[in-house]
N, C-alpha and C. Protein backbone atom coordinates (compact mmCIF):
# COMPACT_ATOMS: atom_id res chain seq x y z
N UNK A 1 52.32 59.39 51.42
CA UNK A 1 50.92 60.13 51.16
C UNK A 1 50.04 59.09 50.93
N UNK A 2 49.97 57.87 50.70
CA UNK A 2 48.87 56.52 51.02
C UNK A 2 47.88 56.88 52.33
N UNK A 3 49.03 57.27 53.20
CA UNK A 3 48.12 57.52 54.87
C UNK A 3 47.57 58.66 54.76
N UNK A 4 47.74 59.90 54.30
CA UNK A 4 46.93 60.84 54.36
C UNK A 4 45.63 60.37 53.59
N UNK A 5 45.78 60.00 52.63
CA UNK A 5 44.33 59.56 52.19
C UNK A 5 43.21 58.55 52.78
N UNK A 6 44.09 58.12 53.84
CA UNK A 6 43.13 57.31 55.07
C UNK A 6 42.46 58.43 55.84
N UNK A 7 42.68 59.83 55.71
CA UNK A 7 41.69 60.48 56.31
C UNK A 7 40.17 60.51 55.97
N UNK A 8 40.11 59.78 55.10
CA UNK A 8 38.65 60.28 53.81
C UNK A 8 37.79 59.04 54.77
N UNK A 9 39.21 57.94 55.56
CA UNK A 9 37.56 57.24 56.81
C UNK A 9 36.83 58.30 57.21
N UNK A 10 36.78 59.44 57.62
CA UNK A 10 35.41 60.33 58.19
C UNK A 10 34.30 60.00 57.38
N UNK A 11 34.62 59.58 55.80
CA UNK A 11 33.62 59.28 54.65
C UNK A 11 32.39 58.25 55.86
N UNK A 12 33.50 57.03 56.83
CA UNK A 12 33.13 55.89 56.24
C UNK A 12 31.76 56.04 57.86
N UNK A 13 31.84 57.60 58.15
CA UNK A 13 30.80 57.47 59.79
C UNK A 13 29.19 57.83 59.30
N UNK A 14 28.63 57.52 58.11
CA UNK A 14 27.03 57.87 57.90
C UNK A 14 26.49 56.60 57.98
N UNK A 15 25.44 56.87 58.34
CA UNK A 15 23.95 55.71 58.13
C UNK A 15 23.10 56.75 57.48
N UNK A 16 22.87 56.04 56.26
CA UNK A 16 21.79 56.71 55.74
C UNK A 16 21.06 56.32 55.17
N UNK A 17 20.00 56.87 54.47
CA UNK A 17 18.53 55.85 54.21
C UNK A 17 19.32 55.02 52.68
N UNK A 18 18.54 54.13 52.42
CA UNK A 18 19.00 53.01 51.33
C UNK A 18 18.78 53.61 50.18
N UNK A 19 19.40 53.98 49.36
CA UNK A 19 19.24 54.39 47.85
C UNK A 19 20.23 54.12 46.86
N UNK A 20 20.56 54.90 46.02
CA UNK A 20 22.15 55.06 44.96
C UNK A 20 22.87 55.14 45.81
N UNK A 21 24.30 55.14 45.22
CA UNK A 21 25.64 55.41 46.06
C UNK A 21 25.82 57.04 46.16
N UNK A 22 24.99 57.65 45.06
CA UNK A 22 25.56 59.33 45.21
C UNK A 22 24.40 60.00 46.13
N UNK A 23 22.95 59.24 46.23
CA UNK A 23 22.18 59.83 47.14
C UNK A 23 23.10 59.22 48.48
N UNK A 24 23.58 58.04 49.08
CA UNK A 24 23.92 58.09 50.41
C UNK A 24 25.18 59.01 50.77
N UNK A 25 26.11 59.46 49.54
CA UNK A 25 26.92 60.20 49.85
C UNK A 25 26.37 61.43 49.97
N UNK A 26 25.29 62.17 49.47
CA UNK A 26 24.73 63.47 49.40
C UNK A 26 24.32 63.71 51.26
N UNK A 27 23.71 62.39 51.05
CA UNK A 27 23.17 62.48 52.66
C UNK A 27 24.08 62.68 53.71
N UNK A 28 25.18 61.34 53.15
CA UNK A 28 26.52 61.88 54.66
C UNK A 28 27.08 63.18 54.74
N UNK A 29 27.36 63.79 53.21
CA UNK A 29 28.03 65.06 53.48
C UNK A 29 27.09 65.94 54.33
N UNK A 30 25.71 65.92 54.03
CA UNK A 30 24.65 67.10 54.82
C UNK A 30 24.65 66.70 56.17
N UNK A 31 24.64 65.22 56.34
CA UNK A 31 23.70 65.39 57.91
C UNK A 31 25.01 64.44 58.92
N UNK A 32 26.40 63.89 58.38
CA UNK A 32 26.79 63.11 59.61
C UNK A 32 27.87 64.16 60.11
N UNK A 33 28.08 64.57 61.45
CA UNK A 33 28.69 65.46 61.99
C UNK A 33 30.16 65.00 62.53
N UNK A 34 29.89 63.94 62.91
CA UNK A 34 31.29 62.93 63.85
C UNK A 34 30.73 61.47 63.85
N UNK A 35 31.75 61.23 64.37
CA UNK A 35 31.82 59.39 64.18
C UNK A 35 33.33 58.78 64.41
N UNK A 36 32.77 57.80 65.19
CA UNK A 36 33.77 56.65 65.18
C UNK A 36 33.64 55.10 64.56
N UNK A 37 34.71 54.06 64.30
CA UNK A 37 35.17 52.86 63.75
C UNK A 37 35.95 51.92 64.31
N UNK A 38 35.79 50.85 64.16
CA UNK A 38 37.60 50.52 63.76
C UNK A 38 37.27 49.97 61.93
N UNK A 39 38.74 50.07 62.17
CA UNK A 39 39.26 49.88 60.50
C UNK A 39 40.35 48.57 60.19
N UNK A 40 40.19 48.26 59.06
CA UNK A 40 41.36 47.12 58.60
C UNK A 40 41.81 48.37 57.05
N UNK A 41 43.20 47.73 56.76
CA UNK A 41 43.23 48.46 55.86
C UNK A 41 44.51 47.47 54.82
N UNK A 42 43.79 47.12 53.89
CA UNK A 42 44.71 46.27 52.72
C UNK A 42 45.29 47.19 51.85
N UNK A 43 46.37 47.46 51.13
CA UNK A 43 47.62 48.65 50.21
C UNK A 43 47.93 47.35 49.75
N UNK A 44 47.91 47.23 48.28
CA UNK A 44 48.28 46.23 47.57
C UNK A 44 48.83 47.03 46.48
N UNK A 45 50.56 46.48 46.22
CA UNK A 45 51.11 47.34 45.32
C UNK A 45 51.00 46.52 43.66
N UNK A 46 51.15 47.22 42.76
CA UNK A 46 51.26 46.75 41.67
C UNK A 46 52.47 45.99 41.44
N UNK A 47 51.99 44.28 40.83
CA UNK A 47 52.82 43.68 40.62
C UNK A 47 54.27 44.27 39.64
N UNK A 48 55.32 43.46 40.12
CA UNK A 48 56.48 43.49 39.15
C UNK A 48 56.53 42.44 38.76
N UNK A 49 57.41 42.79 37.27
CA UNK A 49 57.54 41.66 36.66
C UNK A 49 58.14 40.01 36.62
N UNK A 50 57.31 39.60 36.59
CA UNK A 50 57.53 38.33 36.92
C UNK A 50 56.81 37.69 38.52
N UNK A 51 56.32 38.79 39.04
CA UNK A 51 56.28 38.73 40.49
C UNK A 51 54.78 38.62 40.42
N UNK A 52 54.04 38.16 41.92
CA UNK A 52 52.85 38.28 42.46
C UNK A 52 52.66 39.44 42.95
N UNK A 53 51.44 40.63 43.23
CA UNK A 53 51.37 41.61 43.77
C UNK A 53 51.34 41.32 45.08
N UNK A 54 52.28 42.37 45.95
CA UNK A 54 52.07 42.32 47.43
C UNK A 54 51.25 42.92 47.93
N UNK A 55 50.42 42.90 48.93
CA UNK A 55 49.93 43.15 49.76
C UNK A 55 50.07 43.47 51.52
N UNK A 56 49.66 44.57 52.44
CA UNK A 56 49.87 44.73 53.71
C UNK A 56 49.07 44.88 54.11
N UNK A 57 48.86 44.60 55.36
CA UNK A 57 47.31 44.82 56.44
C UNK A 57 48.09 45.17 57.26
N UNK A 58 47.21 46.58 57.63
CA UNK A 58 47.17 47.02 59.13
C UNK A 58 45.39 47.47 59.56
N UNK A 59 45.74 47.64 60.78
CA UNK A 59 44.25 48.05 61.65
C UNK A 59 43.88 49.11 62.01
N UNK A 60 43.12 49.15 62.91
CA UNK A 60 43.08 50.22 64.12
C UNK A 60 41.57 50.65 64.40
N UNK A 61 41.90 52.23 64.64
CA UNK A 61 40.54 52.87 65.00
C UNK A 61 40.50 54.34 64.48
N UNK A 62 39.29 54.81 64.18
CA UNK A 62 39.20 56.47 64.01
C UNK A 62 38.02 57.10 64.77
N UNK A 63 38.35 58.22 64.72
CA UNK A 63 37.39 59.45 65.28
C UNK A 63 37.56 60.22 64.65
N UNK A 64 36.29 61.45 63.87
CA UNK A 64 36.33 62.06 63.68
C UNK A 64 35.18 63.37 64.09
N UNK A 65 35.73 64.63 63.84
CA UNK A 65 34.46 65.41 64.15
C UNK A 65 34.75 66.72 62.95
N UNK A 66 33.49 67.11 62.25
CA UNK A 66 33.63 67.77 61.95
C UNK A 66 33.51 69.40 62.01
N UNK A 67 34.58 70.32 60.84
CA UNK A 67 34.94 70.15 59.47
C UNK A 67 36.03 69.55 59.11
N UNK A 68 37.36 69.61 60.33
CA UNK A 68 38.61 69.03 59.80
C UNK A 68 38.85 68.58 60.91
N UNK A 69 38.93 67.79 62.18
CA UNK A 69 39.30 66.99 63.02
C UNK A 69 39.38 65.60 62.62
N UNK A 70 40.37 64.86 62.90
CA UNK A 70 39.81 63.47 62.95
C UNK A 70 41.31 63.00 63.58
N UNK A 71 41.15 61.59 63.92
CA UNK A 71 42.47 61.03 64.46
C UNK A 71 42.20 59.55 63.79
N UNK A 72 43.28 58.83 63.50
CA UNK A 72 44.00 57.67 62.93
C UNK A 72 44.80 57.26 64.19
N UNK A 73 44.41 55.92 64.63
CA UNK A 73 45.57 55.36 65.82
C UNK A 73 45.60 53.45 64.62
N UNK A 74 46.78 53.51 64.47
CA UNK A 74 47.15 52.61 63.63
C UNK A 74 47.40 51.62 64.79
N UNK A 75 46.68 50.18 65.02
CA UNK A 75 47.65 49.75 66.44
C UNK A 75 48.58 48.24 65.61
N UNK A 76 47.90 47.86 64.55
CA UNK A 76 48.91 46.83 64.38
C UNK A 76 48.81 46.52 63.02
N UNK A 77 50.04 46.46 62.11
CA UNK A 77 51.21 45.72 63.16
C UNK A 77 52.19 46.72 63.28
N UNK A 78 52.25 47.94 63.38
CA UNK A 78 52.97 48.73 63.80
C UNK A 78 52.35 50.23 64.89
N UNK A 79 52.27 50.43 65.67
CA UNK A 79 51.52 51.56 66.16
C UNK A 79 52.00 52.70 65.73
N UNK A 80 51.18 53.71 64.51
CA UNK A 80 51.37 54.87 64.31
C UNK A 80 49.86 55.55 64.60
N UNK A 81 50.23 57.20 64.80
CA UNK A 81 48.69 58.22 64.44
C UNK A 81 49.24 58.79 63.50
N UNK A 82 47.88 59.03 62.75
CA UNK A 82 47.90 60.85 62.03
C UNK A 82 46.70 61.22 62.87
N UNK A 83 46.99 62.60 63.30
CA UNK A 83 45.73 63.28 63.94
C UNK A 83 46.04 64.88 63.51
N UNK A 84 44.39 65.33 63.39
CA UNK A 84 44.14 66.48 62.76
C UNK A 84 43.40 67.34 63.33
N UNK A 85 44.01 68.52 63.90
CA UNK A 85 43.62 69.07 65.33
C UNK A 85 42.46 70.18 64.93
N UNK A 86 42.59 70.58 63.65
CA UNK A 86 42.50 72.09 62.93
C UNK A 86 43.43 72.56 62.67
N UNK A 87 44.17 72.63 62.74
CA UNK A 87 45.56 73.47 62.29
C UNK A 87 46.22 72.66 61.44
N UNK A 88 47.13 71.55 62.31
CA UNK A 88 48.48 70.56 61.99
C UNK A 88 47.49 69.44 62.17
N UNK A 89 48.63 68.81 60.95
CA UNK A 89 48.46 67.63 60.74
C UNK A 89 49.64 66.59 61.47
N UNK A 90 49.17 65.80 62.63
CA UNK A 90 50.37 65.20 63.00
C UNK A 90 50.52 63.97 62.32
N UNK A 91 51.76 62.81 62.52
CA UNK A 91 51.88 61.57 61.94
C UNK A 91 53.05 61.43 62.91
N UNK A 92 52.69 60.55 63.54
CA UNK A 92 53.71 60.03 64.84
C UNK A 92 54.03 58.42 64.91
N UNK A 93 55.25 57.74 64.56
CA UNK A 93 55.39 56.80 64.76
C UNK A 93 56.26 56.01 65.69
N UNK A 94 55.58 54.88 66.30
CA UNK A 94 56.42 55.10 67.86
C UNK A 94 57.02 54.10 67.51
N UNK A 95 57.59 53.33 66.55
CA UNK A 95 59.04 52.84 66.33
C UNK A 95 60.09 53.60 66.47
N UNK A 96 60.00 54.27 65.64
CA UNK A 96 61.07 55.36 65.15
C UNK A 96 61.07 56.34 66.07
N UNK A 97 59.73 56.78 66.84
CA UNK A 97 59.63 58.00 68.06
C UNK A 97 60.06 58.99 67.69
N UNK A 98 59.12 59.50 66.13
CA UNK A 98 59.51 60.31 65.34
C UNK A 98 57.74 61.19 64.87
N UNK A 99 57.86 61.87 65.27
CA UNK A 99 56.58 63.04 64.98
C UNK A 99 56.94 64.17 63.66
N UNK A 100 56.12 64.21 62.70
CA UNK A 100 56.01 65.18 61.43
C UNK A 100 55.01 66.04 61.37
N UNK A 101 54.94 67.12 61.45
CA UNK A 101 54.22 68.14 61.86
C UNK A 101 53.76 69.11 60.76
N UNK A 102 52.95 69.38 60.20
CA UNK A 102 52.32 70.15 59.06
C UNK A 102 51.29 70.35 58.92
N UNK A 103 51.20 71.75 58.42
CA UNK A 103 49.86 72.66 58.03
C UNK A 103 48.86 71.94 57.17
N UNK A 104 47.66 71.48 57.51
CA UNK A 104 46.46 71.19 57.02
C UNK A 104 46.14 71.54 56.00
N UNK A 105 46.30 73.43 55.76
CA UNK A 105 45.80 73.84 54.77
C UNK A 105 46.86 73.86 53.80
N UNK A 106 48.45 73.45 53.89
CA UNK A 106 49.15 73.04 53.10
C UNK A 106 49.22 71.57 51.95
N UNK A 107 48.84 70.33 53.65
CA UNK A 107 49.09 69.38 53.10
C UNK A 107 47.49 68.46 52.35
N UNK A 108 46.25 69.21 53.00
CA UNK A 108 45.43 68.30 52.41
C UNK A 108 44.73 68.51 50.85
N UNK A 109 44.90 70.45 51.07
CA UNK A 109 44.68 71.08 49.51
C UNK A 109 43.35 70.37 49.26
N UNK A 110 43.38 70.00 47.51
CA UNK A 110 41.74 69.52 47.22
C UNK A 110 41.86 68.03 47.30
N UNK A 111 42.61 67.42 48.34
CA UNK A 111 42.34 65.66 48.16
C UNK A 111 40.95 65.32 48.71
N UNK A 112 40.11 64.29 48.40
CA UNK A 112 38.83 63.85 48.78
C UNK A 112 38.73 64.11 50.25
N UNK A 113 40.03 63.67 51.06
CA UNK A 113 39.77 63.62 52.37
C UNK A 113 39.22 65.26 52.89
N UNK A 114 40.16 66.18 52.45
CA UNK A 114 39.93 67.71 52.87
C UNK A 114 38.08 68.20 52.42
N UNK A 115 38.30 67.07 51.15
CA UNK A 115 36.73 67.89 50.91
C UNK A 115 35.33 67.26 51.19
N UNK A 116 35.63 66.03 51.72
CA UNK A 116 34.52 65.27 52.16
C UNK A 116 34.30 65.71 53.78
N UNK A 117 35.75 65.91 54.36
CA UNK A 117 35.26 66.64 55.92
C UNK A 117 34.55 67.91 56.13
N UNK A 118 34.74 68.60 55.11
CA UNK A 118 34.59 70.20 55.37
C UNK A 118 32.81 70.60 54.28
N UNK A 119 33.04 69.86 53.17
CA UNK A 119 31.80 70.28 52.23
C UNK A 119 30.34 69.64 52.63
N UNK A 120 30.20 71.14 52.43
CA UNK A 120 28.45 70.93 53.04
C UNK A 120 27.74 70.20 52.06
N UNK A 121 27.68 70.05 51.07
CA UNK A 121 26.99 69.37 50.03
C UNK A 121 27.85 68.96 48.74
N UNK A 122 26.84 68.11 47.73
CA UNK A 122 27.94 67.88 46.69
C UNK A 122 28.25 68.70 45.71
N UNK A 123 27.37 69.74 46.15
CA UNK A 123 27.93 71.22 45.05
C UNK A 123 29.58 71.24 45.37
N UNK A 124 29.63 71.33 46.60
CA UNK A 124 31.32 71.87 46.89
C UNK A 124 31.90 70.51 46.77
N UNK A 125 31.56 69.28 46.46
CA UNK A 125 32.81 68.62 46.44
C UNK A 125 32.54 68.60 45.05
N UNK A 126 31.56 68.94 44.16
CA UNK A 126 31.63 68.72 42.47
C UNK A 126 32.94 69.80 41.96
N UNK A 127 33.39 70.85 42.90
CA UNK A 127 34.09 72.00 42.35
C UNK A 127 35.67 70.93 41.99
N UNK A 128 35.65 70.16 43.04
CA UNK A 128 37.57 69.25 42.25
C UNK A 128 37.18 68.16 41.60
N UNK A 129 36.02 67.49 42.02
CA UNK A 129 35.56 66.31 41.39
C UNK A 129 34.50 65.88 40.75
N UNK A 130 34.81 65.01 39.58
CA UNK A 130 33.43 64.11 39.08
C UNK A 130 32.79 63.06 39.48
N UNK A 131 31.80 63.41 40.40
CA UNK A 131 30.96 62.46 41.05
C UNK A 131 29.80 61.55 40.18
N UNK A 132 29.66 60.33 40.20
CA UNK A 132 29.31 59.92 39.36
C UNK A 132 28.61 58.06 40.44
N UNK A 133 27.24 57.64 40.23
CA UNK A 133 27.40 56.28 40.63
C UNK A 133 27.81 55.38 40.08
N UNK A 134 28.12 53.78 40.81
CA UNK A 134 28.66 52.97 40.16
C UNK A 134 27.84 51.61 39.88
N UNK A 135 28.10 50.37 39.25
CA UNK A 135 27.00 49.62 39.65
C UNK A 135 27.18 49.18 40.79
N UNK A 136 26.49 48.25 41.41
CA UNK A 136 26.53 47.41 42.51
C UNK A 136 27.49 46.17 42.54
N UNK A 137 28.33 45.88 43.48
CA UNK A 137 28.90 45.16 43.64
C UNK A 137 29.12 44.88 44.85
N UNK A 138 29.43 43.39 45.14
CA UNK A 138 29.64 42.60 46.39
C UNK A 138 28.49 43.35 47.56
N UNK A 139 26.86 43.30 47.10
CA UNK A 139 26.36 43.69 48.03
C UNK A 139 25.96 45.31 48.51
N UNK A 140 26.93 45.90 47.53
CA UNK A 140 27.43 47.41 47.65
C UNK A 140 26.71 48.32 47.29
N UNK A 141 26.44 49.39 47.50
CA UNK A 141 26.06 50.42 46.27
C UNK A 141 27.21 51.30 46.10
N UNK A 142 27.61 51.98 44.96
CA UNK A 142 28.97 53.15 45.26
C UNK A 142 28.87 54.16 44.58
N UNK A 143 29.39 55.05 44.88
CA UNK A 143 29.45 56.40 44.53
C UNK A 143 31.55 56.24 44.20
N UNK A 144 31.61 56.98 42.91
CA UNK A 144 32.69 57.69 42.46
C UNK A 144 33.30 58.75 42.27
N UNK A 145 34.28 59.44 42.93
CA UNK A 145 35.08 60.46 42.90
C UNK A 145 36.39 60.18 41.76
N UNK A 146 36.23 60.93 40.90
CA UNK A 146 37.40 61.19 40.04
C UNK A 146 37.94 62.52 40.02
N UNK A 147 39.12 62.88 40.55
CA UNK A 147 39.88 64.52 40.62
C UNK A 147 40.10 65.01 39.19
N UNK A 148 39.75 66.24 39.43
CA UNK A 148 39.51 66.71 37.84
C UNK A 148 41.05 67.44 37.57
N UNK A 149 41.99 67.26 38.89
CA UNK A 149 43.39 67.80 38.45
C UNK A 149 43.66 66.69 37.78
N UNK A 150 44.79 66.46 36.89
CA UNK A 150 45.14 65.59 36.49
C UNK A 150 46.78 65.46 36.92
N UNK A 151 47.20 65.55 37.52
CA UNK A 151 48.82 65.73 38.02
C UNK A 151 49.14 65.75 39.78
N UNK A 152 47.68 64.98 39.58
CA UNK A 152 47.93 64.46 41.71
C UNK A 152 48.05 63.27 41.55
N UNK A 153 48.39 63.15 42.97
CA UNK A 153 48.74 62.00 43.54
C UNK A 153 47.75 60.98 43.44
N UNK A 154 46.30 60.94 43.09
CA UNK A 154 45.37 60.44 42.84
C UNK A 154 44.69 60.01 41.90
N UNK A 155 43.99 58.18 41.63
CA UNK A 155 43.18 58.35 40.59
C UNK A 155 41.51 58.68 40.59
N UNK A 156 41.59 57.50 41.64
CA UNK A 156 40.09 57.62 41.93
C UNK A 156 39.79 57.25 43.18
N UNK A 157 38.61 57.57 44.22
CA UNK A 157 38.16 56.86 45.00
C UNK A 157 36.56 56.19 44.80
N UNK A 158 36.40 55.24 45.42
CA UNK A 158 35.29 54.48 45.29
C UNK A 158 34.59 54.36 46.72
N UNK A 159 33.76 54.73 47.16
CA UNK A 159 32.43 54.66 48.22
C UNK A 159 31.75 53.70 48.26
N UNK A 160 31.90 52.32 49.47
CA UNK A 160 30.73 51.75 49.04
C UNK A 160 29.81 51.36 50.24
N UNK A 161 28.46 51.63 49.98
CA UNK A 161 27.51 51.64 51.17
C UNK A 161 26.67 50.49 51.09
N UNK A 162 26.69 50.03 52.41
CA UNK A 162 25.68 48.78 52.28
C UNK A 162 24.48 48.66 53.47
N UNK A 163 23.68 47.92 53.24
CA UNK A 163 22.34 48.33 53.75
C UNK A 163 22.37 47.61 55.45
N UNK A 164 22.03 48.14 56.71
CA UNK A 164 21.94 47.70 57.97
C UNK A 164 20.28 47.94 58.28
N UNK A 165 20.40 47.56 59.78
CA UNK A 165 19.12 47.79 60.50
C UNK A 165 18.51 49.20 60.49
N UNK A 166 19.76 49.66 60.57
CA UNK A 166 19.73 51.13 60.66
C UNK A 166 19.55 52.23 59.18
N UNK A 167 19.36 51.63 58.44
CA UNK A 167 19.65 52.25 57.04
C UNK A 167 20.80 51.72 56.30
N UNK A 168 21.38 52.76 55.67
CA UNK A 168 22.27 52.53 54.64
C UNK A 168 24.03 53.20 55.44
N UNK A 169 24.82 52.14 55.47
CA UNK A 169 26.24 52.81 56.22
C UNK A 169 26.75 52.97 55.09
N UNK A 170 28.18 53.57 55.40
CA UNK A 170 29.12 53.24 54.71
C UNK A 170 30.19 52.08 55.00
N UNK A 171 30.42 51.00 53.99
CA UNK A 171 31.41 50.16 54.48
C UNK A 171 32.59 49.63 53.95
N UNK A 172 32.95 50.53 52.63
CA UNK A 172 34.13 50.04 52.08
C UNK A 172 34.39 51.46 51.44
N UNK A 173 36.03 51.59 51.61
CA UNK A 173 36.45 53.05 50.55
C UNK A 173 37.78 52.14 49.96
N UNK A 174 37.64 52.69 48.59
CA UNK A 174 38.57 52.05 48.02
C UNK A 174 39.18 53.32 46.97
N UNK A 175 40.83 53.22 47.23
CA UNK A 175 41.65 54.48 46.62
C UNK A 175 42.60 53.90 45.99
N UNK A 176 42.83 54.36 44.75
CA UNK A 176 43.71 53.89 43.63
C UNK A 176 44.45 55.12 43.01
N UNK A 177 46.10 55.45 43.96
CA UNK A 177 47.22 56.31 43.34
C UNK A 177 47.52 56.22 42.01
N UNK A 178 48.09 57.01 41.77
CA UNK A 178 48.35 57.54 40.61
C UNK A 178 50.18 56.20 39.86
N UNK A 179 50.26 55.83 41.36
CA UNK A 179 51.35 54.51 41.05
C UNK A 179 51.01 53.65 40.74
N UNK A 180 49.53 53.11 40.73
CA UNK A 180 48.63 51.54 40.65
C UNK A 180 48.70 51.28 42.15
N UNK A 181 48.97 51.90 43.21
CA UNK A 181 48.96 51.11 44.29
C UNK A 181 47.19 51.43 45.01
N UNK A 182 46.51 50.26 45.07
CA UNK A 182 45.14 50.46 45.60
C UNK A 182 45.23 50.29 47.41
N UNK A 183 44.50 50.94 47.86
CA UNK A 183 44.46 50.64 49.34
C UNK A 183 42.87 50.63 49.50
N UNK A 184 42.08 49.23 50.54
CA UNK A 184 41.23 49.40 50.49
C UNK A 184 41.08 49.38 52.31
N UNK A 185 39.98 50.01 52.56
CA UNK A 185 39.55 50.39 53.87
C UNK A 185 38.40 49.45 54.46
N UNK A 186 38.09 48.59 55.13
CA UNK A 186 36.86 47.97 55.51
C UNK A 186 36.28 48.75 56.76
N UNK A 187 35.16 49.10 57.51
CA UNK A 187 34.68 49.30 58.44
C UNK A 187 33.66 48.90 59.13
N UNK A 188 34.05 48.63 60.42
CA UNK A 188 33.04 47.78 61.82
C UNK A 188 32.90 48.55 62.62
N UNK A 189 32.03 48.11 63.89
CA UNK A 189 31.82 48.64 64.88
C UNK A 189 31.35 50.49 64.13
N UNK A 190 30.82 50.81 63.56
CA UNK A 190 30.44 52.40 62.90
C UNK A 190 29.21 52.90 64.05
N UNK A 191 30.07 54.08 64.52
CA UNK A 191 28.58 55.02 65.46
C UNK A 191 28.69 56.42 64.94
N UNK A 192 27.62 57.14 65.06
CA UNK A 192 27.89 58.14 64.09
C UNK A 192 27.12 59.56 64.91
N UNK A 193 27.74 60.47 64.49
CA UNK A 193 26.94 61.77 65.56
C UNK A 193 27.34 61.84 66.82
N UNK A 194 28.30 61.44 67.47
CA UNK A 194 28.90 61.12 68.28
C UNK A 194 29.23 62.55 68.96
N UNK A 195 28.82 63.11 70.81
CA UNK A 195 29.39 64.03 71.11
C UNK A 195 30.90 64.28 71.11
N UNK A 196 31.21 64.32 70.32
CA UNK A 196 32.92 64.11 70.31
C UNK A 196 33.37 65.73 70.93
N UNK A 197 34.39 65.92 72.16
CA UNK A 197 34.81 67.21 72.44
C UNK A 197 36.33 67.48 71.19
N UNK A 198 36.18 68.59 71.17
CA UNK A 198 37.41 69.35 70.45
C UNK A 198 38.71 68.79 70.55
N UNK A 199 38.89 68.36 72.01
CA UNK A 199 40.28 68.46 73.26
C UNK A 199 40.47 66.57 72.41
N UNK A 200 39.41 66.18 71.97
CA UNK A 200 39.64 64.70 71.55
C UNK A 200 40.82 64.95 70.68
N UNK A 201 41.06 65.40 69.79
CA UNK A 201 41.75 65.29 68.67
C UNK A 201 43.17 66.27 68.88
N UNK A 202 43.50 66.50 70.20
CA UNK A 202 44.68 67.13 70.37
C UNK A 202 46.09 66.36 70.33
N UNK A 203 46.86 66.71 70.03
CA UNK A 203 48.31 65.68 70.04
C UNK A 203 49.23 66.67 70.54
N UNK A 204 50.06 65.80 71.51
CA UNK A 204 51.11 66.63 72.42
C UNK A 204 52.31 65.31 72.05
N UNK A 205 53.16 65.74 71.15
CA UNK A 205 54.48 64.67 70.69
C UNK A 205 54.90 64.20 71.93
N UNK A 206 55.09 62.80 72.33
CA UNK A 206 55.79 62.42 73.38
C UNK A 206 57.44 62.79 73.85
N UNK A 207 57.42 62.63 75.08
CA UNK A 207 58.71 62.86 75.63
C UNK A 207 59.90 62.67 74.86
N UNK A 208 60.75 63.21 74.36
CA UNK A 208 62.13 62.66 73.75
C UNK A 208 62.03 61.76 72.49
N UNK A 209 60.63 62.63 71.93
CA UNK A 209 60.29 62.31 70.40
C UNK A 209 60.83 63.01 69.82
N UNK A 210 61.44 63.01 68.06
CA UNK A 210 61.98 63.66 67.24
C UNK A 210 61.04 64.43 66.72
N UNK A 211 60.86 65.72 66.38
CA UNK A 211 59.86 66.13 65.92
C UNK A 211 60.52 67.19 64.60
N UNK A 212 59.83 66.79 63.49
CA UNK A 212 60.50 67.66 62.05
C UNK A 212 59.14 68.39 61.71
N UNK A 213 58.94 69.47 61.81
CA UNK A 213 57.92 70.45 61.40
C UNK A 213 58.57 71.22 59.74
N UNK A 214 57.33 70.37 59.11
CA UNK A 214 56.92 70.96 57.32
C UNK A 214 56.39 72.06 56.97
């Protein structure tokens, strides 16, 4: 489930006027239609009794085209792909040579990923989330999204923006799930509003791969 949340990376493709985190988020939702970036993801599990917390690091690239197409390519430490073509969400594990296919409408639901990818303004986001500014931290300005549903897999999402020579751009995405697992995604080489074709997000299962449809 945590990798489904990584599709919130599409939020990272905004370059905005430097303001509060909520103003940055609002401008992003209205103005950013496509983008691509490199990312590093660190997932930290809650510590067990008598043990330190454990972390795993992965990295790769992503692209998106609003309102409902995106592609995450994990390169290290293992090759994996998450591709949404507008109808189907494809998850491919190269080591297992296995593909899982799910209907986007059933999988994404009211997750932050679906809302941020499709919402035209903050009013649409507020249908499912309580949105607030958070204090500045680590040189970033932050917006926080708290899901209104109390029984979902997500506790909160924090979106951090940094000032650049082009204005304000999203730098960090922090996701806390209902099990206390924290996923921190850091973006680099960010480019926005690129002329990406819908065909960029077409996925064909590799020959011989085991395809599981759910």
